[in-house]
PDB file of all heavy atoms in Angstrom:
ATOM      1  N   GLU A   1     159.570 118.008  42.445  1.00  0.00           N
ATOM      2  CA  GLU A   1     160.301 117.384  43.542  1.00  0.00           C
ATOM      3  C   GLU A   1     160.339 115.867  43.464  1.00  0.00           C
ATOM      4  O   GLU A   1     161.016 115.220  44.263  1.00  0.00           O
ATOM      5  CB  GLU A   1     159.724 117.829  44.885  1.00  0.00           C
ATOM      6  CG  GLU A   1     159.946 119.298  45.154  1.00  0.00           C
ATOM      7  CD  GLU A   1     159.713 119.672  46.598  1.00  0.00           C
ATOM      8  OE1 GLU A   1     159.666 118.754  47.454  1.00  0.00           O
ATOM      9  OE2 GLU A   1     159.582 120.867  46.862  1.00  0.00           O
ATOM     10  N   LEU A   2     159.631 115.282  42.512  1.00  0.00           N
ATOM     11  CA  LEU A   2     159.665 113.822  42.365  1.00  0.00           C
ATOM     12  C   LEU A   2     161.073 113.382  41.987  1.00  0.00           C
ATOM     13  O   LEU A   2     161.776 114.082  41.258  1.00  0.00           O
ATOM     14  CB  LEU A   2     158.684 113.366  41.283  1.00  0.00           C
ATOM     15  CG  LEU A   2     157.199 113.581  41.567  1.00  0.00           C
ATOM     16  CD1 LEU A   2     156.371 113.250  40.341  1.00  0.00           C
ATOM     17  CD2 LEU A   2     156.760 112.758  42.760  1.00  0.00           C
ATOM     18  N   SER A   3     161.462 112.205  42.451  1.00  0.00           N
ATOM     19  CA  SER A   3     162.778 111.681  42.083  1.00  0.00           C
ATOM     20  C   SER A   3     162.806 111.394  40.582  1.00  0.00           C
ATOM     21  O   SER A   3     161.767 111.272  39.927  1.00  0.00           O
ATOM     22  CB  SER A   3     163.077 110.396  42.862  1.00  0.00           C
ATOM     23  OG  SER A   3     162.239 109.349  42.410  1.00  0.00           O
ATOM     24  N   TYR A   4     164.004 111.270  40.046  1.00  0.00           N
ATOM     25  CA  TYR A   4     164.161 111.025  38.609  1.00  0.00           C
ATOM     26  C   TYR A   4     163.466 109.727  38.201  1.00  0.00           C
ATOM     27  O   TYR A   4     162.744 109.678  37.207  1.00  0.00           O
ATOM     28  CB  TYR A   4     165.646 110.984  38.244  1.00  0.00           C
ATOM     29  CG  TYR A   4     165.892 110.746  36.781  1.00  0.00           C
ATOM     30  CD1 TYR A   4     165.751 111.783  35.855  1.00  0.00           C
ATOM     31  CD2 TYR A   4     166.230 109.481  36.305  1.00  0.00           C
ATOM     32  CE1 TYR A   4     165.953 111.565  34.505  1.00  0.00           C
ATOM     33  CE2 TYR A   4     166.434 109.260  34.955  1.00  0.00           C
ATOM     34  CZ  TYR A   4     166.299 110.300  34.061  1.00  0.00           C
ATOM     35  OH  TYR A   4     166.490 110.080  32.724  1.00  0.00           O
ATOM     36  N   ASP A   5     163.666 108.673  38.978  1.00  0.00           N
ATOM     37  CA  ASP A   5     163.067 107.372  38.669  1.00  0.00           C
ATOM     38  C   ASP A   5     161.539 107.454  38.670  1.00  0.00           C
ATOM     39  O   ASP A   5     160.878 106.971  37.751  1.00  0.00           O
ATOM     40  CB  ASP A   5     163.554 106.319  39.668  1.00  0.00           C
ATOM     41  CG  ASP A   5     162.975 104.952  39.385  1.00  0.00           C
ATOM     42  OD1 ASP A   5     163.091 104.493  38.229  1.00  0.00           O
ATOM     43  OD2 ASP A   5     162.381 104.353  40.311  1.00  0.00           O
ATOM     44  N   VAL A   6     160.979 108.079  39.692  1.00  0.00           N
ATOM     45  CA  VAL A   6     159.519 108.210  39.787  1.00  0.00           C
ATOM     46  C   VAL A   6     159.000 109.079  38.646  1.00  0.00           C
ATOM     47  O   VAL A   6     157.966 108.777  38.046  1.00  0.00           O
ATOM     48  CB  VAL A   6     159.114 108.785  41.166  1.00  0.00           C
ATOM     49  CG1 VAL A   6     157.635 109.130  41.205  1.00  0.00           C
ATOM     50  CG2 VAL A   6     159.460 107.793  42.268  1.00  0.00           C
ATOM     51  N   SER A   7     159.722 110.142  38.310  1.00  0.00           N
ATOM     52  CA  SER A   7     159.315 111.020  37.211  1.00  0.00           C
ATOM     53  C   SER A   7     159.280 110.277  35.885  1.00  0.00           C
ATOM     54  O   SER A   7     158.340 110.436  35.095  1.00  0.00           O
ATOM     55  CB  SER A   7     160.266 112.210  37.108  1.00  0.00           C
ATOM     56  OG  SER A   7     160.198 113.005  38.256  1.00  0.00           O
ATOM     57  N   CYS A   8     160.303 109.465  35.628  1.00  0.00           N
ATOM     58  CA  CYS A   8     160.347 108.685  34.378  1.00  0.00           C
ATOM     59  C   CYS A   8     159.178 107.716  34.298  1.00  0.00           C
ATOM     60  O   CYS A   8     158.517 107.598  33.257  1.00  0.00           O
ATOM     61  CB  CYS A   8     161.662 107.918  34.272  1.00  0.00           C
ATOM     62  SG  CYS A   8     163.097 108.945  33.983  1.00  0.00           S
ATOM     63  N   ARG A   9     158.916 107.029  35.401  1.00  0.00           N
ATOM     64  CA  ARG A   9     157.807 106.073  35.417  1.00  0.00           C
ATOM     65  C   ARG A   9     156.467 106.781  35.277  1.00  0.00           C
ATOM     66  O   ARG A   9     155.548 106.274  34.626  1.00  0.00           O
ATOM     67  CB  ARG A   9     157.874 105.230  36.677  1.00  0.00           C
ATOM     68  CG  ARG A   9     159.095 104.294  36.638  1.00  0.00           C
ATOM     69  CD  ARG A   9     159.292 103.480  37.869  1.00  0.00           C
ATOM     70  NE  ARG A   9     158.195 102.551  38.086  1.00  0.00           N
ATOM     71  CZ  ARG A   9     158.045 101.852  39.203  1.00  0.00           C
ATOM     72  NH1 ARG A   9     158.937 101.950  40.168  1.00  0.00           N
ATOM     73  NH2 ARG A   9     157.035 101.043  39.350  1.00  0.00           N
ATOM     74  N   ALA A  10     156.352 107.982  35.847  1.00  0.00           N
ATOM     75  CA  ALA A  10     155.117 108.763  35.725  1.00  0.00           C
ATOM     76  C   ALA A  10     154.888 109.171  34.279  1.00  0.00           C
ATOM     77  O   ALA A  10     153.760 109.096  33.773  1.00  0.00           O
ATOM     78  CB  ALA A  10     155.181 109.989  36.626  1.00  0.00           C
ATOM     79  N   GLU A  11     155.957 109.596  33.602  1.00  0.00           N
ATOM     80  CA  GLU A  11     155.816 109.978  32.199  1.00  0.00           C
ATOM     81  C   GLU A  11     155.381 108.787  31.349  1.00  0.00           C
ATOM     82  O   GLU A  11     154.482 108.896  30.513  1.00  0.00           O
ATOM     83  CB  GLU A  11     157.126 110.538  31.650  1.00  0.00           C
ATOM     84  CG  GLU A  11     157.006 110.918  30.195  1.00  0.00           C
ATOM     85  CD  GLU A  11     158.322 111.036  29.464  1.00  0.00           C
ATOM     86  OE1 GLU A  11     159.362 110.674  30.028  1.00  0.00           O
ATOM     87  OE2 GLU A  11     158.296 111.460  28.296  1.00  0.00           O
ATOM     88  N   GLU A  12     156.004 107.641  31.568  1.00  0.00           N
ATOM     89  CA  GLU A  12     155.637 106.438  30.810  1.00  0.00           C
ATOM     90  C   GLU A  12     154.170 106.082  31.029  1.00  0.00           C
ATOM     91  O   GLU A  12     153.448 105.776  30.075  1.00  0.00           O
ATOM     92  CB  GLU A  12     156.522 105.261  31.227  1.00  0.00           C
ATOM     93  CG  GLU A  12     157.957 105.371  30.779  1.00  0.00           C
ATOM     94  CD  GLU A  12     158.844 104.289  31.399  1.00  0.00           C
ATOM     95  OE1 GLU A  12     158.306 103.338  32.021  1.00  0.00           O
ATOM     96  OE2 GLU A  12     160.063 104.404  31.266  1.00  0.00           O
ATOM     97  N   LEU A  13     153.747 106.112  32.272  1.00  0.00           N
ATOM     98  CA  LEU A  13     152.361 105.779  32.584  1.00  0.00           C
ATOM     99  C   LEU A  13     151.412 106.805  31.972  1.00  0.00           C
ATOM    100  O   LEU A  13     150.367 106.442  31.422  1.00  0.00           O
ATOM    101  CB  LEU A  13     152.161 105.698  34.099  1.00  0.00           C
ATOM    102  CG  LEU A  13     150.780 105.251  34.559  1.00  0.00           C
ATOM    103  CD1 LEU A  13     150.447 103.861  34.031  1.00  0.00           C
ATOM    104  CD2 LEU A  13     150.704 105.275  36.077  1.00  0.00           C
ATOM    105  N   PHE A  14     151.751 108.070  32.049  1.00  0.00           N
ATOM    106  CA  PHE A  14     150.926 109.114  31.444  1.00  0.00           C
ATOM    107  C   PHE A  14     150.760 108.864  29.946  1.00  0.00           C
ATOM    108  O   PHE A  14     149.649 108.933  29.423  1.00  0.00           O
ATOM    109  CB  PHE A  14     151.544 110.499  31.681  1.00  0.00           C
ATOM    110  CG  PHE A  14     150.784 111.598  31.006  1.00  0.00           C
ATOM    111  CD1 PHE A  14     149.657 112.141  31.600  1.00  0.00           C
ATOM    112  CD2 PHE A  14     151.181 112.088  29.778  1.00  0.00           C
ATOM    113  CE1 PHE A  14     148.940 113.159  30.969  1.00  0.00           C
ATOM    114  CE2 PHE A  14     150.475 113.098  29.135  1.00  0.00           C
ATOM    115  CZ  PHE A  14     149.354 113.633  29.742  1.00  0.00           C
ATOM    116  N   GLN A  15     151.866 108.575  29.255  1.00  0.00           N
ATOM    117  CA  GLN A  15     151.812 108.320  27.812  1.00  0.00           C
ATOM    118  C   GLN A  15     150.908 107.128  27.510  1.00  0.00           C
ATOM    119  O   GLN A  15     150.154 107.149  26.533  1.00  0.00           O
ATOM    120  CB  GLN A  15     153.221 108.072  27.250  1.00  0.00           C
ATOM    121  CG  GLN A  15     154.151 109.250  27.350  1.00  0.00           C
ATOM    122  CD  GLN A  15     153.673 110.476  26.594  1.00  0.00           C
ATOM    123  OE1 GLN A  15     152.923 110.382  25.640  1.00  0.00           O
ATOM    124  NE2 GLN A  15     154.107 111.640  27.032  1.00  0.00           N
ATOM    125  N   HIS A  16     150.957 106.120  28.354  1.00  0.00           N
ATOM    126  CA  HIS A  16     150.134 104.919  28.153  1.00  0.00           C
ATOM    127  C   HIS A  16     148.657 105.197  28.455  1.00  0.00           C
ATOM    128  O   HIS A  16     147.775 104.773  27.695  1.00  0.00           O
ATOM    129  CB  HIS A  16     150.655 103.790  29.037  1.00  0.00           C
ATOM    130  CG  HIS A  16     149.818 102.554  28.993  1.00  0.00           C
ATOM    131  ND1 HIS A  16     149.778 101.721  27.892  1.00  0.00           N
ATOM    132  CD2 HIS A  16     148.975 102.023  29.906  1.00  0.00           C
ATOM    133  CE1 HIS A  16     148.937 100.726  28.136  1.00  0.00           C
ATOM    134  NE2 HIS A  16     148.440 100.889  29.348  1.00  0.00           N
ATOM    135  N   LEU A  17     148.384 105.905  29.541  1.00  0.00           N
ATOM    136  CA  LEU A  17     147.006 106.089  29.991  1.00  0.00           C
ATOM    137  C   LEU A  17     146.244 107.180  29.252  1.00  0.00           C
ATOM    138  O   LEU A  17     145.013 107.135  29.213  1.00  0.00           O
ATOM    139  CB  LEU A  17     146.975 106.405  31.486  1.00  0.00           C
ATOM    140  CG  LEU A  17     147.376 105.281  32.430  1.00  0.00           C
ATOM    141  CD1 LEU A  17     147.365 105.784  33.869  1.00  0.00           C
ATOM    142  CD2 LEU A  17     146.455 104.086  32.277  1.00  0.00           C
ATOM    143  N   GLN A  18     146.927 108.144  28.691  1.00  0.00           N
ATOM    144  CA  GLN A  18     146.191 109.244  28.064  1.00  0.00           C
ATOM    145  C   GLN A  18     145.358 108.786  26.881  1.00  0.00           C
ATOM    146  O   GLN A  18     144.444 109.481  26.450  1.00  0.00           O
ATOM    147  CB  GLN A  18     147.125 110.379  27.682  1.00  0.00           C
ATOM    148  CG  GLN A  18     147.984 110.127  26.480  1.00  0.00           C
ATOM    149  CD  GLN A  18     148.786 111.364  26.109  1.00  0.00           C
ATOM    150  OE1 GLN A  18     148.611 112.428  26.665  1.00  0.00           O
ATOM    151  NE2 GLN A  18     149.678 111.206  25.168  1.00  0.00           N
ATOM    152  N   HIS A  19     145.604 107.603  26.360  1.00  0.00           N
ATOM    153  CA  HIS A  19     144.821 107.069  25.245  1.00  0.00           C
ATOM    154  C   HIS A  19     143.441 106.588  25.697  1.00  0.00           C
ATOM    155  O   HIS A  19     142.549 106.444  24.885  1.00  0.00           O
ATOM    156  CB  HIS A  19     145.573 105.930  24.562  1.00  0.00           C
ATOM    157  CG  HIS A  19     146.923 106.359  24.056  1.00  0.00           C
ATOM    158  ND1 HIS A  19     147.077 107.273  23.044  1.00  0.00           N
ATOM    159  CD2 HIS A  19     148.172 106.038  24.462  1.00  0.00           C
ATOM    160  CE1 HIS A  19     148.364 107.480  22.824  1.00  0.00           C
ATOM    161  NE2 HIS A  19     149.052 106.737  23.671  1.00  0.00           N
ATOM    162  N   TYR A  20     143.280 106.349  27.022  1.00  0.00           N
ATOM    163  CA  TYR A  20     141.992 105.894  27.535  1.00  0.00           C
ATOM    164  C   TYR A  20     140.961 107.014  27.567  1.00  0.00           C
ATOM    165  O   TYR A  20     139.773 106.780  27.463  1.00  0.00           O
ATOM    166  CB  TYR A  20     142.136 105.338  28.962  1.00  0.00           C
ATOM    167  CG  TYR A  20     142.754 103.978  29.004  1.00  0.00           C
ATOM    168  CD1 TYR A  20     144.100 103.817  29.301  1.00  0.00           C
ATOM    169  CD2 TYR A  20     141.992 102.844  28.745  1.00  0.00           C
ATOM    170  CE1 TYR A  20     144.675 102.562  29.344  1.00  0.00           C
ATOM    171  CE2 TYR A  20     142.563 101.584  28.776  1.00  0.00           C
ATOM    172  CZ  TYR A  20     143.905 101.450  29.078  1.00  0.00           C
ATOM    173  OH  TYR A  20     144.462 100.217  29.117  1.00  0.00           O
ATOM    174  N   LYS A  21     141.431 108.211  27.764  1.00  0.00           N
ATOM    175  CA  LYS A  21     140.507 109.323  27.943  1.00  0.00           C
ATOM    176  C   LYS A  21     141.085 110.552  27.253  1.00  0.00           C
ATOM    177  O   LYS A  21     142.142 111.027  27.629  1.00  0.00           O
ATOM    178  CB  LYS A  21     140.318 109.583  29.441  1.00  0.00           C
ATOM    179  CG  LYS A  21     139.245 110.561  29.786  1.00  0.00           C
ATOM    180  CD  LYS A  21     139.090 110.606  31.295  1.00  0.00           C
ATOM    181  CE  LYS A  21     138.001 111.570  31.711  1.00  0.00           C
ATOM    182  NZ  LYS A  21     137.884 111.645  33.162  1.00  0.00           N
ATOM    183  N   ASN A  22     140.395 111.044  26.258  1.00  0.00           N
ATOM    184  CA  ASN A  22     140.941 112.194  25.537  1.00  0.00           C
ATOM    185  C   ASN A  22     140.515 113.528  26.139  1.00  0.00           C
ATOM    186  O   ASN A  22     140.998 114.567  25.730  1.00  0.00           O
ATOM    187  CB  ASN A  22     140.591 112.131  24.046  1.00  0.00           C
ATOM    188  CG  ASN A  22     139.096 112.101  23.811  1.00  0.00           C
ATOM    189  OD1 ASN A  22     138.312 112.226  24.739  1.00  0.00           O
ATOM    190  ND2 ASN A  22     138.710 111.922  22.567  1.00  0.00           N
ATOM    191  N   THR A  23     139.601 113.504  27.085  1.00  0.00           N
ATOM    192  CA  THR A  23     139.239 114.733  27.783  1.00  0.00           C
ATOM    193  C   THR A  23     139.495 114.528  29.267  1.00  0.00           C
ATOM    194  O   THR A  23     138.737 113.864  29.959  1.00  0.00           O
ATOM    195  CB  THR A  23     137.765 115.102  27.566  1.00  0.00           C
ATOM    196  OG1 THR A  23     136.955 114.011  28.013  1.00  0.00           O
ATOM    197  CG2 THR A  23     137.477 115.385  26.105  1.00  0.00           C
ATOM    198  N   TYR A  24     140.568 115.053  29.736  1.00  0.00           N
ATOM    199  CA  TYR A  24     140.903 114.982  31.149  1.00  0.00           C
ATOM    200  C   TYR A  24     141.365 116.352  31.596  1.00  0.00           C
ATOM    201  O   TYR A  24     141.707 117.205  30.781  1.00  0.00           O
ATOM    202  CB  TYR A  24     141.987 113.933  31.418  1.00  0.00           C
ATOM    203  CG  TYR A  24     143.245 114.146  30.608  1.00  0.00           C
ATOM    204  CD1 TYR A  24     144.254 114.980  31.065  1.00  0.00           C
ATOM    205  CD2 TYR A  24     143.412 113.531  29.378  1.00  0.00           C
ATOM    206  CE1 TYR A  24     145.396 115.192  30.315  1.00  0.00           C
ATOM    207  CE2 TYR A  24     144.550 113.730  28.623  1.00  0.00           C
ATOM    208  CZ  TYR A  24     145.535 114.565  29.101  1.00  0.00           C
ATOM    209  OH  TYR A  24     146.661 114.787  28.364  1.00  0.00           O
ATOM    210  N   ARG A  25     141.341 116.565  32.895  1.00  0.00           N
ATOM    211  CA  ARG A  25     141.773 117.840  33.456  1.00  0.00           C
ATOM    212  C   ARG A  25     142.884 117.563  34.450  1.00  0.00           C
ATOM    213  O   ARG A  25     142.641 117.064  35.536  1.00  0.00           O
ATOM    214  CB  ARG A  25     140.620 118.532  34.161  1.00  0.00           C
ATOM    215  CG  ARG A  25     139.465 118.852  33.250  1.00  0.00           C
ATOM    216  CD  ARG A  25     138.436 119.605  34.032  1.00  0.00           C
ATOM    217  NE  ARG A  25     137.153 119.573  33.392  1.00  0.00           N
ATOM    218  CZ  ARG A  25     136.128 120.274  33.826  1.00  0.00           C
ATOM    219  NH1 ARG A  25     136.245 121.042  34.879  1.00  0.00           N
ATOM    220  NH2 ARG A  25     134.984 120.204  33.208  1.00  0.00           N
ATOM    221  N   LEU A  26     144.085 117.891  34.046  1.00  0.00           N
ATOM    222  CA  LEU A  26     145.256 117.671  34.897  1.00  0.00           C
ATOM    223  C   LEU A  26     146.076 118.946  34.943  1.00  0.00           C
ATOM    224  O   LEU A  26     146.467 119.480  33.908  1.00  0.00           O
ATOM    225  CB  LEU A  26     146.112 116.522  34.361  1.00  0.00           C
ATOM    226  CG  LEU A  26     147.435 116.251  35.091  1.00  0.00           C
ATOM    227  CD1 LEU A  26     147.201 115.885  36.548  1.00  0.00           C
ATOM    228  CD2 LEU A  26     148.205 115.157  34.366  1.00  0.00           C
ATOM    229  N   VAL A  27     146.311 119.438  36.152  1.00  0.00           N
ATOM    230  CA  VAL A  27     147.135 120.615  36.363  1.00  0.00           C
ATOM    231  C   VAL A  27     148.368 120.164  37.129  1.00  0.00           C
ATOM    232  O   VAL A  27     148.266 119.470  38.140  1.00  0.00           O
ATOM    233  CB  VAL A  27     146.380 121.694  37.179  1.00  0.00           C
ATOM    234  CG1 VAL A  27     147.265 122.900  37.454  1.00  0.00           C
ATOM    235  CG2 VAL A  27     145.104 122.107  36.459  1.00  0.00           C
ATOM    236  N   ILE A  28     149.534 120.536  36.629  1.00  0.00           N
ATOM    237  CA  ILE A  28     150.792 120.199  37.290  1.00  0.00           C
ATOM    238  C   ILE A  28     151.448 121.511  37.696  1.00  0.00           C
ATOM    239  O   ILE A  28     151.800 122.321  36.842  1.00  0.00           O
ATOM    240  CB  ILE A  28     151.719 119.395  36.358  1.00  0.00           C
ATOM    241  CG1 ILE A  28     151.031 118.109  35.909  1.00  0.00           C
ATOM    242  CG2 ILE A  28     153.037 119.092  37.062  1.00  0.00           C
ATOM    243  CD1 ILE A  28     151.810 117.318  34.868  1.00  0.00           C
ATOM    244  N   LEU A  29     151.593 121.714  39.000  1.00  0.00           N
ATOM    245  CA  LEU A  29     152.210 122.934  39.515  1.00  0.00           C
ATOM    246  C   LEU A  29     153.623 122.628  39.972  1.00  0.00           C
ATOM    247  O   LEU A  29     153.859 121.666  40.693  1.00  0.00           O
ATOM    248  CB  LEU A  29     151.403 123.497  40.685  1.00  0.00           C
ATOM    249  CG  LEU A  29     149.982 123.940  40.346  1.00  0.00           C
ATOM    250  CD1 LEU A  29     149.244 124.360  41.597  1.00  0.00           C
ATOM    251  CD2 LEU A  29     149.989 125.064  39.341  1.00  0.00           C
ATOM    252  N   CYS A  30     154.560 123.469  39.537  1.00  0.00           N
ATOM    253  CA  CYS A  30     155.972 123.285  39.862  1.00  0.00           C
ATOM    254  C   CYS A  30     156.581 124.600  40.315  1.00  0.00           C
ATOM    255  O   CYS A  30     156.083 125.678  39.978  1.00  0.00           O
ATOM    256  CB  CYS A  30     156.734 122.771  38.642  1.00  0.00           C
ATOM    257  SG  CYS A  30     156.139 121.193  38.028  1.00  0.00           S
ATOM    258  N   ASN A  31     157.687 124.485  41.004  1.00  0.00           N
ATOM    259  CA  ASN A  31     158.456 125.647  41.424  1.00  0.00           C
ATOM    260  C   ASN A  31     159.201 126.182  40.202  1.00  0.00           C
ATOM    261  O   ASN A  31     159.923 125.437  39.539  1.00  0.00           O
ATOM    262  CB  ASN A  31     159.433 125.235  42.524  1.00  0.00           C
ATOM    263  CG  ASN A  31     160.219 126.390  43.072  1.00  0.00           C
ATOM    264  OD1 ASN A  31     160.394 127.426  42.437  1.00  0.00           O
ATOM    265  ND2 ASN A  31     160.715 126.217  44.280  1.00  0.00           N
ATOM    266  N   CYS A  32     159.060 127.468  39.919  1.00  0.00           N
ATOM    267  CA  CYS A  32     159.703 128.027  38.719  1.00  0.00           C
ATOM    268  C   CYS A  32     161.223 127.966  38.809  1.00  0.00           C
ATOM    269  O   CYS A  32     161.910 127.993  37.788  1.00  0.00           O
ATOM    270  CB  CYS A  32     159.240 129.456  38.464  1.00  0.00           C
ATOM    271  SG  CYS A  32     159.696 130.629  39.733  1.00  0.00           S
ATOM    272  N   GLU A  33     161.761 127.848  40.012  1.00  0.00           N
ATOM    273  CA  GLU A  33     163.215 127.741  40.168  1.00  0.00           C
ATOM    274  C   GLU A  33     163.729 126.347  39.800  1.00  0.00           C
ATOM    275  O   GLU A  33     164.924 126.153  39.666  1.00  0.00           O
ATOM    276  CB  GLU A  33     163.617 128.100  41.590  1.00  0.00           C
ATOM    277  CG  GLU A  33     163.349 129.564  41.917  1.00  0.00           C
ATOM    278  CD  GLU A  33     163.612 129.898  43.359  1.00  0.00           C
ATOM    279  OE1 GLU A  33     164.100 129.014  44.113  1.00  0.00           O
ATOM    280  OE2 GLU A  33     163.342 131.048  43.747  1.00  0.00           O
ATOM    281  N   ARG A  34     162.820 125.380  39.665  1.00  0.00           N
ATOM    282  CA  ARG A  34     163.203 124.015  39.312  1.00  0.00           C
ATOM    283  C   ARG A  34     162.580 123.605  37.972  1.00  0.00           C
ATOM    284  O   ARG A  34     162.283 122.442  37.755  1.00  0.00           O
ATOM    285  CB  ARG A  34     162.768 123.063  40.422  1.00  0.00           C
ATOM    286  CG  ARG A  34     163.489 123.313  41.737  1.00  0.00           C
ATOM    287  CD  ARG A  34     163.015 122.363  42.826  1.00  0.00           C
ATOM    288  NE  ARG A  34     162.844 121.002  42.380  1.00  0.00           N
ATOM    289  CZ  ARG A  34     163.749 120.028  42.499  1.00  0.00           C
ATOM    290  NH1 ARG A  34     164.893 120.282  43.048  1.00  0.00           N
ATOM    291  NH2 ARG A  34     163.481 118.811  42.070  1.00  0.00           N
ATOM    292  N   GLU A  35     162.426 124.562  37.077  1.00  0.00           N
ATOM    293  CA  GLU A  35     161.760 124.288  35.807  1.00  0.00           C
ATOM    294  C   GLU A  35     162.537 123.358  34.897  1.00  0.00           C
ATOM    295  O   GLU A  35     161.991 122.876  33.905  1.00  0.00           O
ATOM    296  CB  GLU A  35     161.436 125.595  35.081  1.00  0.00           C
ATOM    297  CG  GLU A  35     162.648 126.360  34.614  1.00  0.00           C
ATOM    298  CD  GLU A  35     162.265 127.648  33.921  1.00  0.00           C
ATOM    299  OE1 GLU A  35     161.231 127.679  33.233  1.00  0.00           O
ATOM    300  OE2 GLU A  35     162.994 128.629  34.086  1.00  0.00           O
ATOM    301  N   HIS A  36     163.790 123.091  35.207  1.00  0.00           N
ATOM    302  CA  HIS A  36     164.582 122.204  34.360  1.00  0.00           C
ATOM    303  C   HIS A  36     164.632 120.777  34.910  1.00  0.00           C
ATOM    304  O   HIS A  36     165.344 119.940  34.360  1.00  0.00           O
ATOM    305  CB  HIS A  36     165.994 122.759  34.181  1.00  0.00           C
ATOM    306  CG  HIS A  36     165.989 124.092  33.503  1.00  0.00           C
ATOM    307  ND1 HIS A  36     165.561 124.262  32.202  1.00  0.00           N
ATOM    308  CD2 HIS A  36     166.311 125.321  33.959  1.00  0.00           C
ATOM    309  CE1 HIS A  36     165.641 125.541  31.882  1.00  0.00           C
ATOM    310  NE2 HIS A  36     166.085 126.207  32.928  1.00  0.00           N
ATOM    311  N   SER A  37     163.873 120.505  35.957  1.00  0.00           N
ATOM    312  CA  SER A  37     163.813 119.128  36.438  1.00  0.00           C
ATOM    313  C   SER A  37     162.938 118.318  35.475  1.00  0.00           C
ATOM    314  O   SER A  37     162.352 118.851  34.537  1.00  0.00           O
ATOM    315  CB  SER A  37     163.299 119.069  37.880  1.00  0.00           C
ATOM    316  OG  SER A  37     162.028 119.637  37.969  1.00  0.00           O
ATOM    317  N   TYR A  38     162.837 117.022  35.704  1.00  0.00           N
ATOM    318  CA  TYR A  38     162.269 116.105  34.717  1.00  0.00           C
ATOM    319  C   TYR A  38     160.819 116.425  34.321  1.00  0.00           C
ATOM    320  O   TYR A  38     160.522 116.614  33.139  1.00  0.00           O
ATOM    321  CB  TYR A  38     162.377 114.664  35.230  1.00  0.00           C
ATOM    322  CG  TYR A  38     162.130 113.656  34.146  1.00  0.00           C
ATOM    323  CD1 TYR A  38     163.173 113.199  33.351  1.00  0.00           C
ATOM    324  CD2 TYR A  38     160.861 113.168  33.891  1.00  0.00           C
ATOM    325  CE1 TYR A  38     162.956 112.283  32.331  1.00  0.00           C
ATOM    326  CE2 TYR A  38     160.636 112.245  32.882  1.00  0.00           C
ATOM    327  CZ  TYR A  38     161.683 111.814  32.109  1.00  0.00           C
ATOM    328  OH  TYR A  38     161.468 110.912  31.105  1.00  0.00           O
ATOM    329  N   ILE A  39     159.913 116.451  35.280  1.00  0.00           N
ATOM    330  CA  ILE A  39     158.488 116.628  34.959  1.00  0.00           C
ATOM    331  C   ILE A  39     158.218 117.967  34.260  1.00  0.00           C
ATOM    332  O   ILE A  39     157.542 117.991  33.227  1.00  0.00           O
ATOM    333  CB  ILE A  39     157.604 116.445  36.215  1.00  0.00           C
ATOM    334  CG1 ILE A  39     157.630 114.995  36.685  1.00  0.00           C
ATOM    335  CG2 ILE A  39     156.169 116.913  35.974  1.00  0.00           C
ATOM    336  CD1 ILE A  39     156.935 113.996  35.786  1.00  0.00           C
ATOM    337  N   PRO A  40     158.728 119.094  34.772  1.00  0.00           N
ATOM    338  CA  PRO A  40     158.482 120.339  34.031  1.00  0.00           C
ATOM    339  C   PRO A  40     159.055 120.315  32.616  1.00  0.00           C
ATOM    340  O   PRO A  40     158.454 120.881  31.694  1.00  0.00           O
ATOM    341  CB  PRO A  40     159.178 121.413  34.872  1.00  0.00           C
ATOM    342  CG  PRO A  40     159.263 120.833  36.235  1.00  0.00           C
ATOM    343  CD  PRO A  40     159.399 119.358  36.038  1.00  0.00           C
TER     344      PRO A  40
END
């Protein structure tokens, strides 16, 4: 449900930050009817 702009910025930040910690636990839950939106 995140807007396109927020989703893009979230992806960029994720790509940048994942190098700080190689063991993290992140679960992303989405509606299966919206599986073609940006984050999924």
